[in-house]
Amino acid sequence: MTTGANILLQTLLANSIDTCFMNPGTSEMHFVAALDRVREMRGVLCLFEGVCSGAADGYARALGKPAATLLHLGPGLGNALANFHNARKAHSPVVSIVGEHSLNHLKYDAPLSADIETFARTVSEHVRTCRNPHEIGTDVSATIADAIQPPGQVAMLIVPANLSWSAAEGVGPVIAKPERQVASGDVVRRAASLVRNPRTALLLGGSALNPRGLEAAARLSAATGVRIYMARNVARIWSGRGRFQPRQIPYFPEPAIEMLRDLENLILVEAKAPVSFFGYPGTPGWLAPENCAISLLADLDEDGPASLEALAQQCGAASAAPAFGHEPVTVPDDGTLTLDSIGRVIAAHLPEDALISEEMVSSSEPVLTHLANAARHERMPVTGGSIGQALPVAVGAAVACPDRKVLALEADGSGMYTLQALWTMARENLNVLTVIFANRRYRILDIEMRRTGADGFGEIANNMIDIGRPDLDWVSLAKAMGVSATRAATIAEFHAQFRDAVSVNGPRLIEAVVEEG
């Protein structure tokens, strides 16, 4: 007998979705059993649902296509919501399958009963519940269509258990990937009339930051002098030597406002108008000048690179030859390990075409300054501000691209949210090198405490930010989950350990003990 679970898996495979990050329960057992019959589907077990959702996000960012997740009822989905929030902000295509009680059991309000659709709508505009086993195939295909609709989104499919074990037929149709639209001639001409104004800037996000988009933007900048900026909290950044690297809108509002203060025109290319991450007393949240005109070259669901190329052609910049420079990377012989020295070591030894999952939080700026001079790479930063992203995203990226080195740059506090990802790295023998920035503190909250004007920062408040006493032992934590790990407290130690780790495949962790003032 062909069951609904079989049809579900076969429909995913027919649409080239062959990976599922899962943490199943009773209502999903027929899906799990079907994996032995539909062996082309790779099931990747995660010990926490937040790792499943983050891994699916990383997979989608690395490959530009969806993976599936399998979660257990409302509480399982609830555990996954934080990283689904990040995936939503990243516009990552994800097909999330959530098990439900069998339909005839719902009337009993059993202990695990929950309003799954309401949970799902917090991170997804596209939620459907299967009602008929013979419609599972079409429901799965419709969910896939929702997920891959530009610019990409988390799409939810809730599957009652009895539909999985019931007889079913009809693999769902193959969904064609939608094409993104290019800016119209009128839009391009209007933008071209603005770019030679020295008080005009282009703000790039989304796929406009891929090599094709960056090359067109570089030519526009060289030919017209137009300023090129990068949006904050984008899903994927192509960086490294020989690549055009626009200035990114700063995290804090004051430097961002200063950067944009004299603008008369801001042209958005797969980006939103810039706003501050938080609201602060007496500080504007809207970062562009009040009299700055905001216009669109390409919306979030449109083709930014092609639109930039059309603009370059319109401006006579298609053949411009921008020059790219970089600074040589030097590493001190030894000394106390600092963020600056960590950045230098990484830049000196980062392999070509590496994927970086980055969640350094307060440690990021000194390190990222040096990565601009590293070998070409792609970086996947936090998009939605929900911490606990870097380790799961690294899992997904490594599953998606097993031939590339994945580097997870993770703060110690946020790493504790999803450290179960280390177990999946070990089980799947994923090619991930994790660097933990161990400052024993939620350091970013020291900054935010001052910025928000919160009064009375005393001993009790300090205890809510201090994550020492006891210190987290990341070497022991990693080894307990099967990942080889070392600790570095000096430049020489970190240099030797990092250089060794990038030269071999498989999971590895370095706890970098950084003393900050």
Protein backbone atom coordinates (compact mmCIF):
# COMPACT_ATOMS: atom_id res chain seq x y z
CA MET A 1 0.00 0.00 0.00
CA THR A 2 1.21 3.50 -0.86
CA THR A 3 0.71 5.72 2.17
CA GLY A 4 0.38 9.45 2.55
CA ALA A 5 3.89 9.55 4.04
CA ASN A 6 5.28 7.93 0.89
CA ILE A 7 3.46 10.41 -1.33
CA LEU A 8 4.77 13.29 0.78
CA LEU A 9 8.38 12.18 0.40
CA GLN A 10 8.02 11.36 -3.29
CA THR A 11 6.53 14.80 -3.99
CA LEU A 12 9.41 16.50 -2.21
CA LEU A 13 11.91 14.48 -4.26
CA ALA A 14 10.08 15.19 -7.51
CA ASN A 15 10.70 18.86 -6.72
CA SER A 16 14.43 18.30 -6.00
CA ILE A 17 14.02 18.60 -2.22
CA ASP A 18 16.13 15.70 -1.00
CA THR A 19 17.17 16.80 2.52
CA CYS A 20 15.04 16.99 5.66
CA PHE A 21 16.29 18.28 9.02
CA MET A 22 14.14 16.58 11.61
CA ASN A 23 13.23 16.01 15.22
CA PRO A 24 10.21 13.69 14.98
CA GLY A 25 7.70 12.35 17.50
CA THR A 26 4.81 9.90 17.59
CA SER A 27 2.67 11.69 15.02
CA GLU A 28 5.55 11.61 12.49
CA MET A 29 6.54 7.93 12.83
CA HIS A 30 5.06 6.95 9.47
CA PHE A 31 7.14 9.69 7.80
CA VAL A 32 10.23 8.31 9.54
CA ALA A 33 9.40 4.73 8.53
CA ALA A 34 8.92 5.85 4.92
CA LEU A 35 12.58 6.98 4.80
CA ASP A 36 13.55 3.30 4.48
CA ARG A 37 11.32 2.98 1.42
CA VAL A 38 12.17 6.34 -0.16
CA ARG A 39 15.92 6.24 0.30
CA GLU A 40 16.76 9.20 -1.92
CA MET A 41 15.57 11.48 0.90
CA ARG A 42 18.36 12.31 3.35
CA GLY A 43 17.11 12.63 6.89
CA VAL A 44 19.36 14.64 9.21
CA LEU A 45 18.55 14.22 12.89
CA CYS A 46 18.87 17.28 15.13
CA LEU A 47 18.55 17.12 18.91
CA PHE A 48 16.64 20.40 19.16
CA GLU A 49 14.04 21.86 16.82
CA GLY A 50 15.83 25.23 16.73
CA VAL A 51 18.74 23.43 15.09
CA CYS A 52 16.36 22.01 12.46
CA SER A 53 15.00 25.43 11.52
CA GLY A 54 18.42 27.10 11.55
CA ALA A 55 19.94 24.30 9.47
CA ALA A 56 17.18 24.62 6.86
CA ASP A 57 17.93 28.36 6.74
CA GLY A 58 21.65 27.72 6.21
CA TYR A 59 20.96 25.10 3.54
CA ALA A 60 18.71 27.51 1.64
CA ARG A 61 21.21 30.36 1.87
CA ALA A 62 24.05 28.16 0.62
CA LEU A 63 22.20 26.57 -2.31
CA GLY A 64 19.34 28.95 -3.03
CA LYS A 65 16.80 26.13 -2.82
CA PRO A 66 14.71 24.70 0.00
CA ALA A 67 15.30 21.88 2.38
CA ALA A 68 12.47 20.43 4.45
CA THR A 69 12.07 20.29 8.20
CA LEU A 70 9.99 17.75 10.15
CA LEU A 71 8.77 18.85 13.57
CA HIS A 72 6.54 17.33 16.24
CA LEU A 73 3.22 19.07 16.89
CA GLY A 74 2.84 22.59 18.29
CA PRO A 75 5.56 22.43 20.97
CA GLY A 76 8.10 21.15 18.44
CA LEU A 77 7.27 24.02 16.11
CA GLY A 78 7.40 26.40 19.08
CA ASN A 79 10.98 25.33 19.79
CA ALA A 80 11.89 26.08 16.18
CA LEU A 81 10.32 29.53 15.92
CA ALA A 82 13.38 31.65 16.81
CA ASN A 83 15.44 30.41 13.88
CA PHE A 84 12.41 30.34 11.59
CA HIS A 85 12.17 34.04 12.45
CA ASN A 86 15.73 34.50 11.17
CA ALA A 87 14.92 32.42 8.07
CA ARG A 88 11.89 34.62 7.38
CA LYS A 89 13.98 37.77 7.61
CA ALA A 90 16.59 36.15 5.34
CA HIS A 91 13.87 35.26 2.80
CA SER A 92 15.08 31.68 2.86
CA PRO A 93 12.86 29.15 1.08
CA VAL A 94 11.97 26.43 3.60
CA VAL A 95 9.30 23.70 3.47
CA SER A 96 8.33 23.06 7.08
CA ILE A 97 6.30 19.92 7.76
CA VAL A 98 4.65 19.77 11.17
CA GLY A 99 2.95 16.66 12.48
CA GLU A 100 -0.51 16.87 14.05
CA HIS A 101 -2.66 14.48 16.03
CA SER A 102 -4.87 12.21 13.95
CA LEU A 103 -8.05 14.06 13.01
CA ASN A 104 -10.35 11.92 15.16
CA HIS A 105 -8.11 12.51 18.21
CA LEU A 106 -8.24 16.31 18.10
CA LYS A 107 -11.62 16.44 19.86
CA TYR A 108 -10.06 15.13 23.09
CA ASP A 109 -7.72 18.10 23.65
CA ALA A 110 -4.87 15.73 24.54
CA PRO A 111 -1.84 17.09 26.44
CA LEU A 112 0.14 17.92 23.28
CA SER A 113 -2.80 19.50 21.46
CA ALA A 114 -2.10 23.06 20.37
CA ASP A 115 -3.18 25.65 17.82
CA ILE A 116 -0.38 24.80 15.39
CA GLU A 117 -1.66 27.13 12.67
CA THR A 118 -1.38 30.11 15.01
CA PHE A 119 2.16 29.14 15.96
CA ALA A 120 3.03 28.79 12.28
CA ARG A 121 1.61 32.16 11.24
CA THR A 122 4.07 33.98 13.47
CA VAL A 123 6.81 33.13 10.96
CA SER A 124 4.91 32.21 7.81
CA GLU A 125 2.30 33.86 5.62
CA HIS A 126 1.64 30.48 3.98
CA VAL A 127 0.11 27.83 6.25
CA ARG A 128 -2.02 24.91 5.13
CA THR A 129 -3.31 21.79 6.87
CA CYS A 130 -3.83 18.53 4.98
CA ARG A 131 -7.39 17.14 5.25
CA ASN A 132 -7.47 14.31 2.72
CA PRO A 133 -4.77 11.67 2.14
CA HIS A 134 -5.42 11.75 -1.60
CA GLU A 135 -4.61 15.48 -1.62
CA ILE A 136 -1.28 15.26 0.20
CA GLY A 137 0.69 15.41 -3.05
CA THR A 138 -1.02 18.57 -4.26
CA ASP A 139 -0.75 20.12 -0.77
CA VAL A 140 3.00 19.46 -0.69
CA SER A 141 3.47 20.94 -4.17
CA ALA A 142 1.45 24.01 -3.21
CA THR A 143 3.62 24.46 -0.10
CA ILE A 144 6.75 24.22 -2.22
CA ALA A 145 5.33 26.84 -4.59
CA ASP A 146 4.78 29.14 -1.61
CA ALA A 147 8.32 28.59 -0.32
CA ILE A 148 10.10 29.37 -3.61
CA GLN A 149 7.97 32.36 -4.55
CA PRO A 150 10.42 35.29 -4.70
CA PRO A 151 12.06 36.46 -2.57
CA GLY A 152 11.67 33.12 -0.71
CA GLN A 153 9.81 32.29 2.47
CA VAL A 154 9.07 29.72 5.16
CA ALA A 155 5.99 27.74 4.12
CA MET A 156 4.19 25.47 6.60
CA LEU A 157 2.38 22.20 5.94
CA ILE A 158 0.57 20.57 8.89
CA VAL A 159 0.00 16.83 8.40
CA PRO A 160 -2.37 14.92 10.74
CA ALA A 161 -0.95 11.52 11.65
CA ASN A 162 -3.79 9.48 10.14
CA LEU A 163 -3.15 11.03 6.73
CA SER A 164 0.41 9.71 6.87
CA TRP A 165 -0.69 6.11 7.54
CA SER A 166 -3.72 6.12 5.23
CA ALA A 167 -3.70 4.83 1.65
CA ALA A 168 -2.95 7.66 -0.76
CA GLU A 169 -2.24 8.25 -4.42
CA GLY A 170 -1.05 10.99 -6.69
CA VAL A 171 2.46 12.41 -6.38
CA GLY A 172 2.12 16.18 -6.51
CA PRO A 173 3.15 18.18 -9.57
CA VAL A 174 6.61 19.60 -10.17
CA ILE A 175 6.67 23.34 -9.47
CA ALA A 176 8.62 25.50 -11.89
CA LYS A 177 10.93 28.03 -10.26
CA PRO A 178 9.44 31.50 -10.76
CA GLU A 179 11.51 34.05 -12.62
CA ARG A 180 12.27 37.40 -11.04
CA GLN A 181 11.31 40.49 -12.98
CA VAL A 182 13.87 43.05 -14.16
CA ALA A 183 13.26 46.76 -13.62
CA SER A 184 11.27 48.35 -16.43
CA GLY A 185 12.86 50.80 -18.83
CA ASP A 186 11.09 53.72 -17.16
CA VAL A 187 12.37 52.71 -13.72
CA VAL A 188 15.91 52.34 -15.05
CA ARG A 189 15.80 55.73 -16.79
CA ARG A 190 14.53 57.45 -13.64
CA ALA A 191 17.34 55.87 -11.61
CA ALA A 192 19.88 56.89 -14.27
CA SER A 193 18.73 60.49 -13.98
CA LEU A 194 19.64 60.40 -10.28
CA VAL A 195 22.91 58.50 -10.04
CA ARG A 196 25.17 61.33 -11.21
CA ASN A 197 23.94 63.49 -8.36
CA PRO A 198 26.73 63.28 -5.74
CA ARG A 199 24.03 63.08 -3.08
CA THR A 200 22.53 59.87 -4.47
CA ALA A 201 23.28 56.39 -3.15
CA LEU A 202 22.28 52.86 -4.06
CA LEU A 203 21.43 50.52 -1.17
CA LEU A 204 21.96 46.84 -2.04
CA GLY A 205 20.44 43.78 -0.40
CA GLY A 206 19.31 40.27 -1.33
CA SER A 207 20.75 38.81 -4.52
CA ALA A 208 22.05 42.26 -5.54
CA LEU A 209 25.03 41.36 -3.32
CA ASN A 210 26.02 38.34 -5.39
CA PRO A 211 29.12 38.60 -7.63
CA ARG A 212 27.09 39.63 -10.67
CA GLY A 213 25.30 42.39 -8.78
CA LEU A 214 28.48 43.60 -7.09
CA GLU A 215 30.30 43.79 -10.43
CA ALA A 216 27.55 45.93 -11.96
CA ALA A 217 27.48 48.15 -8.87
CA ALA A 218 31.26 48.55 -8.99
CA ARG A 219 31.06 49.68 -12.62
CA LEU A 220 28.34 52.18 -11.78
CA SER A 221 30.43 53.57 -8.95
CA ALA A 222 33.55 53.83 -11.14
CA ALA A 223 31.73 55.50 -14.02
CA THR A 224 29.34 57.84 -12.21
CA GLY A 225 30.70 58.25 -8.68
CA VAL A 226 27.40 57.12 -7.18
CA ARG A 227 27.73 55.89 -3.61
CA ILE A 228 27.05 52.19 -3.04
CA TYR A 229 25.95 50.96 0.37
CA MET A 230 25.08 47.50 1.70
CA ALA A 231 21.94 46.96 3.75
CA ARG A 232 22.18 45.70 7.31
CA ASN A 233 21.18 42.12 8.25
CA VAL A 234 21.31 40.68 4.75
CA ALA A 235 21.21 36.91 4.26
CA ARG A 236 24.42 36.42 2.30
CA ILE A 237 27.45 38.60 1.63
CA TRP A 238 30.09 37.82 -1.00
CA SER A 239 33.40 39.20 0.23
CA GLY A 240 37.17 38.83 0.07
CA ARG A 241 40.05 39.94 -2.12
CA GLY A 242 39.17 41.09 -5.61
CA ARG A 243 35.53 41.76 -4.85
CA PHE A 244 33.79 45.10 -4.68
CA GLN A 245 32.83 45.61 -1.04
CA PRO A 246 30.31 48.36 -0.36
CA ARG A 247 30.19 50.04 3.01
CA GLN A 248 27.52 48.48 5.20
CA ILE A 249 24.97 50.56 7.07
CA PRO A 250 26.27 50.63 10.68
CA TYR A 251 24.46 48.78 13.46
CA PHE A 252 24.06 51.77 15.77
CA PRO A 253 21.92 54.66 14.57
CA GLU A 254 24.30 57.57 15.17
CA PRO A 255 27.04 56.46 12.72
CA ALA A 256 24.36 55.32 10.27
CA ILE A 257 22.68 58.72 10.38
CA GLU A 258 26.07 60.39 9.89
CA MET A 259 26.80 58.17 6.88
CA LEU A 260 23.53 59.11 5.19
CA ARG A 261 23.10 62.67 6.48
CA ASP A 262 23.60 64.55 3.20
CA LEU A 263 21.67 62.20 0.92
CA GLU A 264 18.99 63.60 -1.36
CA ASN A 265 18.17 60.30 -3.10
CA LEU A 266 18.36 56.71 -1.89
CA ILE A 267 17.68 54.03 -4.50
CA LEU A 268 16.78 50.61 -3.09
CA VAL A 269 17.92 47.42 -4.82
CA GLU A 270 16.33 44.39 -3.12
CA ALA A 271 16.53 46.30 0.15
CA LYS A 272 14.28 48.16 2.54
CA ALA A 273 14.80 51.74 3.67
CA PRO A 274 17.24 51.63 6.61
CA VAL A 275 15.96 51.79 10.18
CA SER A 276 17.76 51.24 13.49
CA PHE A 277 17.73 47.82 15.12
CA PHE A 278 16.15 49.23 18.28
CA GLY A 279 14.56 52.47 19.35
CA TYR A 280 16.66 54.57 21.75
CA PRO A 281 15.69 57.57 23.87
CA GLY A 282 16.09 60.79 21.89
CA THR A 283 17.49 59.07 18.78
CA PRO A 284 15.65 58.74 15.44
CA GLY A 285 14.82 55.23 14.29
CA TRP A 286 14.56 56.27 10.63
CA LEU A 287 18.14 56.59 9.41
CA ALA A 288 17.83 58.51 6.13
CA PRO A 289 17.37 62.31 6.19
CA GLU A 290 13.74 63.38 6.36
CA ASN A 291 13.96 65.12 2.99
CA CYS A 292 15.71 62.20 1.26
CA ALA A 293 13.65 60.76 -1.59
CA ILE A 294 13.40 56.95 -1.47
CA SER A 295 12.91 55.11 -4.76
CA LEU A 296 13.06 51.53 -6.03
CA LEU A 297 15.23 50.07 -8.73
CA ALA A 298 14.32 46.49 -7.78
CA ASP A 299 11.92 45.34 -5.07
CA LEU A 300 12.67 42.40 -2.75
CA ASP A 301 11.09 39.91 -5.17
CA GLU A 302 12.71 41.35 -8.31
CA ASP A 303 16.03 40.72 -10.05
CA GLY A 304 18.54 43.11 -8.48
CA PRO A 305 21.66 42.03 -10.43
CA ALA A 306 19.94 42.26 -13.82
CA SER A 307 18.42 45.61 -12.87
CA LEU A 308 21.86 46.94 -11.86
CA GLU A 309 23.27 45.75 -15.18
CA ALA A 310 20.47 47.55 -17.01
CA LEU A 311 21.23 50.70 -15.03
CA ALA A 312 24.95 50.41 -15.80
CA GLN A 313 24.11 50.07 -19.51
CA GLN A 314 21.82 53.10 -19.36
CA CYS A 315 24.57 55.14 -17.65
CA GLY A 316 27.26 54.08 -20.12
CA ALA A 317 29.05 52.18 -17.35
CA ALA A 318 28.83 48.65 -18.77
CA SER A 319 32.49 48.69 -19.83
CA ALA A 320 33.88 50.59 -16.84
CA ALA A 321 36.84 48.85 -15.21
CA PRO A 322 36.84 49.37 -11.44
CA ALA A 323 40.07 48.69 -9.56
CA PHE A 324 40.02 46.52 -6.45
CA GLY A 325 42.73 46.83 -3.85
CA HIS A 326 43.44 44.93 -0.69
CA GLU A 327 45.85 45.20 2.20
CA PRO A 328 48.32 42.42 2.99
CA VAL A 329 47.45 40.43 6.09
CA THR A 330 50.03 40.33 8.87
CA VAL A 331 49.79 38.25 12.02
CA PRO A 332 51.73 39.09 15.21
CA ASP A 333 54.05 36.37 16.41
CA ASP A 334 52.46 36.11 19.85
CA GLY A 335 50.77 38.00 22.65
CA THR A 336 47.39 38.11 24.35
CA LEU A 337 44.61 36.93 22.06
CA THR A 338 42.51 39.87 20.87
CA LEU A 339 39.68 40.28 18.40
CA ASP A 340 42.06 42.06 16.05
CA SER A 341 44.55 39.18 16.09
CA ILE A 342 41.78 36.61 15.60
CA GLY A 343 40.62 38.52 12.54
CA ARG A 344 44.15 38.61 11.16
CA VAL A 345 44.68 34.86 11.62
CA ILE A 346 41.36 34.00 9.98
CA ALA A 347 42.05 36.34 7.07
CA ALA A 348 45.50 34.84 6.57
CA HIS A 349 44.33 31.22 6.45
CA LEU A 350 40.70 31.22 5.32
CA PRO A 351 40.36 28.73 2.44
CA GLU A 352 39.15 29.93 -0.94
CA ASP A 353 35.37 29.72 -1.39
CA ALA A 354 34.67 29.12 2.31
CA LEU A 355 31.21 29.64 3.76
CA ILE A 356 31.09 31.64 6.99
CA SER A 357 28.17 31.47 9.40
CA GLU A 358 28.67 34.55 11.54
CA GLU A 359 27.19 35.44 14.93
CA MET A 360 30.03 37.17 16.76
CA VAL A 361 27.67 39.86 18.12
CA SER A 362 29.82 42.43 19.99
CA SER A 363 33.03 40.84 18.67
CA SER A 364 32.20 41.20 14.99
CA GLU A 365 33.57 44.57 13.85
CA PRO A 366 37.32 44.03 14.48
CA VAL A 367 37.20 40.58 12.87
CA LEU A 368 35.15 41.57 9.82
CA THR A 369 37.54 44.43 9.10
CA HIS A 370 40.22 41.86 8.27
CA LEU A 371 37.97 39.44 6.39
CA ALA A 372 37.74 41.95 3.56
CA ASN A 373 41.38 41.01 2.83
CA ALA A 374 40.85 37.24 3.08
CA ALA A 375 40.40 34.78 0.21
CA ARG A 376 37.05 35.04 -1.54
CA HIS A 377 34.25 33.70 0.59
CA GLU A 378 30.56 34.02 1.39
CA ARG A 379 29.30 35.14 4.77
CA MET A 380 25.89 34.42 6.28
CA PRO A 381 25.20 36.81 9.18
CA VAL A 382 22.26 36.96 11.58
CA THR A 383 19.26 38.43 9.80
CA GLY A 384 16.43 38.62 12.30
CA GLY A 385 18.40 39.27 15.48
CA SER A 386 17.29 36.04 17.15
CA ILE A 387 20.46 34.58 18.65
CA GLY A 388 21.47 30.94 18.41
CA GLN A 389 21.79 30.98 14.63
CA ALA A 390 25.45 30.43 13.69
CA LEU A 391 25.88 26.77 14.67
CA PRO A 392 22.64 25.51 13.03
CA VAL A 393 23.21 27.61 9.90
CA ALA A 394 26.69 26.08 9.66
CA VAL A 395 25.13 22.60 9.83
CA GLY A 396 22.80 23.39 6.94
CA ALA A 397 25.53 25.02 4.85
CA ALA A 398 27.84 22.03 5.35
CA VAL A 399 25.12 19.55 4.38
CA ALA A 400 24.38 21.65 1.29
CA CYS A 401 28.02 22.12 0.23
CA PRO A 402 30.14 19.20 1.50
CA ASP A 403 33.06 20.21 -0.74
CA ARG A 404 33.47 23.62 0.92
CA LYS A 405 34.95 24.51 4.30
CA VAL A 406 32.33 26.01 6.61
CA LEU A 407 33.48 28.36 9.36
CA ALA A 408 31.13 29.14 12.24
CA LEU A 409 32.12 32.30 14.13
CA GLU A 410 30.01 32.17 17.28
CA ALA A 411 29.78 34.17 20.50
CA ASP A 412 29.75 32.06 23.64
CA GLY A 413 26.42 33.34 24.96
CA SER A 414 24.47 32.87 21.74
CA GLY A 415 26.19 29.56 21.08
CA MET A 416 24.59 28.09 24.20
CA TYR A 417 21.14 28.49 22.66
CA THR A 418 21.75 25.77 20.06
CA LEU A 419 24.94 23.95 21.04
CA GLN A 420 23.13 20.68 20.17
CA ALA A 421 24.19 21.49 16.58
CA LEU A 422 27.66 20.20 17.50
CA TRP A 423 26.23 16.69 17.91
CA THR A 424 24.77 16.80 14.39
CA MET A 425 28.11 18.04 13.03
CA ALA A 426 29.81 15.02 14.61
CA ARG A 427 27.17 12.47 13.58
CA GLU A 428 27.17 13.65 9.94
CA ASN A 429 30.95 14.28 9.91
CA LEU A 430 30.34 17.79 8.61
CA ASN A 431 33.26 19.92 7.44
CA VAL A 432 32.68 22.70 9.99
CA LEU A 433 35.28 24.59 11.98
CA THR A 434 33.68 26.46 14.87
CA VAL A 435 35.43 29.35 16.63
CA ILE A 436 33.82 30.30 19.95
CA PHE A 437 34.48 33.86 21.11
CA ALA A 438 34.63 33.29 24.85
CA ASN A 439 34.40 36.56 26.74
CA ARG A 440 32.21 35.04 29.48
CA ARG A 441 29.62 37.79 29.14
CA TYR A 442 26.62 39.03 27.18
CA ARG A 443 28.93 41.86 26.12
CA ILE A 444 26.45 43.47 23.73
CA LEU A 445 24.11 44.09 26.68
CA ASP A 446 26.79 46.17 28.43
CA ILE A 447 26.58 48.48 25.43
CA GLU A 448 22.80 48.40 25.20
CA MET A 449 22.39 49.07 28.92
CA ARG A 450 24.21 52.36 28.47
CA ARG A 451 22.52 53.24 25.20
CA THR A 452 18.98 52.75 26.47
CA GLY A 453 19.66 55.01 29.45
CA ALA A 454 18.76 52.29 31.95
CA ASP A 455 19.60 53.57 35.43
CA GLY A 456 21.06 51.74 38.39
CA PHE A 457 23.51 49.35 36.75
CA GLY A 458 24.57 47.58 39.92
CA GLU A 459 25.50 44.14 41.18
CA ILE A 460 22.15 42.47 40.49
CA ALA A 461 21.93 43.90 36.98
CA ASN A 462 25.53 42.87 36.31
CA ASN A 463 24.68 39.30 37.32
CA MET A 464 22.09 39.19 34.53
CA ILE A 465 24.78 39.92 31.94
CA ASP A 466 27.71 37.95 33.38
CA ILE A 467 27.81 34.34 32.07
CA GLY A 468 30.89 33.38 34.05
CA ARG A 469 30.81 31.86 37.52
CA PRO A 470 31.06 29.11 36.40
CA ASP A 471 32.87 29.66 33.11
CA LEU A 472 31.50 27.72 30.18
CA ASP A 473 33.91 24.96 29.16
CA TRP A 474 33.43 24.75 25.41
CA VAL A 475 36.22 22.21 24.97
CA SER A 476 34.42 19.76 27.26
CA LEU A 477 31.02 20.58 25.77
CA ALA A 478 32.27 19.92 22.24
CA LYS A 479 34.12 16.72 23.12
CA ALA A 480 31.03 15.41 24.93
CA MET A 481 29.17 15.68 21.61
CA GLY A 482 31.91 14.09 19.53
CA VAL A 483 33.67 17.20 18.19
CA SER A 484 37.43 17.54 18.58
CA ALA A 485 38.18 20.76 20.46
CA THR A 486 41.02 22.89 21.78
CA ARG A 487 41.35 26.15 23.70
CA ALA A 488 43.51 29.13 22.69
CA ALA A 489 44.40 32.06 24.94
CA THR A 490 47.36 33.49 23.01
CA ILE A 491 47.93 34.54 19.41
CA ALA A 492 50.44 31.75 18.87
CA GLU A 493 48.03 29.11 20.19
CA PHE A 494 45.12 30.33 18.09
CA HIS A 495 47.30 30.71 14.98
CA ALA A 496 48.59 27.14 15.20
CA GLN A 497 45.21 25.64 16.01
CA PHE A 498 43.32 27.53 13.27
CA ARG A 499 45.94 26.79 10.62
CA ASP A 500 45.79 23.10 11.52
CA ALA A 501 42.00 22.95 11.63
CA VAL A 502 41.35 24.50 8.20
CA SER A 503 43.70 21.99 6.58
CA VAL A 504 41.65 18.92 7.52
CA ASN A 505 38.05 17.90 6.93
CA GLY A 506 35.48 17.12 9.59
CA PRO A 507 34.09 18.95 12.62
CA ARG A 508 36.47 20.88 14.87
CA LEU A 509 36.05 23.58 17.54
CA ILE A 510 38.43 26.20 18.92
CA GLU A 511 37.49 28.08 22.08
CA ALA A 512 39.16 31.47 21.70
CA VAL A 513 39.45 33.04 25.15
CA VAL A 514 39.29 36.78 24.57
CA GLU A 515 39.93 39.16 27.42
CA GLU A 516 38.08 42.41 26.87
CA GLY A 517 38.05 45.53 28.92
